[in-house]
C-alpha atoms as a PDB file:
ATOM      1  CA  GLN A   1     117.936 126.632 115.220  1.00  0.00           C
ATOM      2  CA  THR A   2     121.152 126.018 113.344  1.00  0.00           C
ATOM      3  CA  ASN A   3     120.084 127.243 109.892  1.00  0.00           C
ATOM      4  CA  SER A   4     119.075 130.623 108.539  1.00  0.00           C
ATOM      5  CA  TYR A   5     115.732 129.691 106.964  1.00  0.00           C
ATOM      6  CA  ASP A   6     113.477 128.181 109.632  1.00  0.00           C
ATOM      7  CA  CYS A   7     112.963 131.367 111.690  1.00  0.00           C
ATOM      8  CA  GLY A   8     109.319 131.742 110.646  1.00  0.00           C
ATOM      9  CA  VAL A   9     108.563 128.085 111.342  1.00  0.00           C
ATOM     10  CA  TRP A  10     109.956 128.486 114.842  1.00  0.00           C
ATOM     11  CA  ILE A  11     107.780 131.521 115.398  1.00  0.00           C
ATOM     12  CA  LEU A  12     104.690 129.584 114.215  1.00  0.00           C
ATOM     13  CA  ALA A  13     105.622 126.697 116.538  1.00  0.00           C
ATOM     14  CA  GLN A  14     105.882 129.079 119.475  1.00  0.00           C
ATOM     15  CA  MET A  15     102.529 130.700 118.557  1.00  0.00           C
ATOM     16  CA  ALA A  16     100.900 127.270 118.391  1.00  0.00           C
ATOM     17  CA  ALA A  17     102.274 126.443 121.853  1.00  0.00           C
ATOM     18  CA  VAL A  18     100.932 129.680 123.354  1.00  0.00           C
ATOM     19  CA  LEU A  19      97.532 129.198 121.743  1.00  0.00           C
ATOM     20  CA  ARG A  20      97.426 125.777 123.367  1.00  0.00           C
ATOM     21  CA  GLY A  21      98.203 127.244 126.782  1.00  0.00           C
ATOM     22  CA  TYR A  22     101.952 126.513 127.003  1.00  0.00           C
ATOM     23  CA  ASP A  23     104.740 129.005 127.647  1.00  0.00           C
ATOM     24  CA  ILE A  24     107.190 127.465 125.234  1.00  0.00           C
ATOM     25  CA  THR A  25     107.093 124.968 122.390  1.00  0.00           C
ATOM     26  CA  GLY A  26     108.203 121.361 122.835  1.00  0.00           C
ATOM     27  CA  VAL A  27     109.267 121.240 119.167  1.00  0.00           C
ATOM     28  CA  LYS A  28     112.949 120.301 118.708  1.00  0.00           C
ATOM     29  CA  GLU A  29     115.077 121.040 115.678  1.00  0.00           C
ATOM     30  CA  HIS A  30     114.678 117.494 114.358  1.00  0.00           C
ATOM     31  CA  ASP A  31     110.845 117.986 114.524  1.00  0.00           C
ATOM     32  CA  ILE A  32     110.743 121.006 112.241  1.00  0.00           C
ATOM     33  CA  THR A  33     110.205 119.003 109.062  1.00  0.00           C
ATOM     34  CA  SER A  34     107.172 117.299 110.606  1.00  0.00           C
ATOM     35  CA  PHE A  35     105.884 120.586 111.980  1.00  0.00           C
ATOM     36  CA  ARG A  36     106.244 122.182 108.521  1.00  0.00           C
ATOM     37  CA  HIS A  37     104.173 119.278 107.104  1.00  0.00           C
ATOM     38  CA  PHE A  38     101.580 119.763 109.880  1.00  0.00           C
ATOM     39  CA  LEU A  39     101.271 123.451 108.864  1.00  0.00           C
ATOM     40  CA  GLN A  40     100.865 122.450 105.213  1.00  0.00           C
ATOM     41  CA  VAL A  41      98.030 120.072 106.098  1.00  0.00           C
ATOM     42  CA  LEU A  42      96.325 122.820 108.102  1.00  0.00           C
ATOM     43  CA  ILE A  43      96.607 125.272 105.212  1.00  0.00           C
ATOM     44  CA  HIS A  44      95.086 122.734 102.816  1.00  0.00           C
ATOM     45  CA  CYS A  45      92.103 122.327 105.186  1.00  0.00           C
ATOM     46  CA  VAL A  46      91.183 126.026 104.976  1.00  0.00           C
ATOM     47  CA  GLU A  47      88.199 126.619 102.723  1.00  0.00           C
ATOM     48  CA  VAL A  48      88.695 129.367 100.167  1.00  0.00           C
ATOM     49  CA  PRO A  49      85.494 131.320  99.547  1.00  0.00           C
ATOM     50  CA  THR A  50      84.507 131.556  95.915  1.00  0.00           C
END
């Protein structure tokens, strides 16, 4: 990571890797924008109870 604002995204990428049974993430710095979009899509799929 070469910036000071993607720390949380990297943590979420690592958590996703561990939940899938991997030790480390395969996400590279140039993939972070796509991974951020992937997270946004997942969030929009969550049903909010009313």
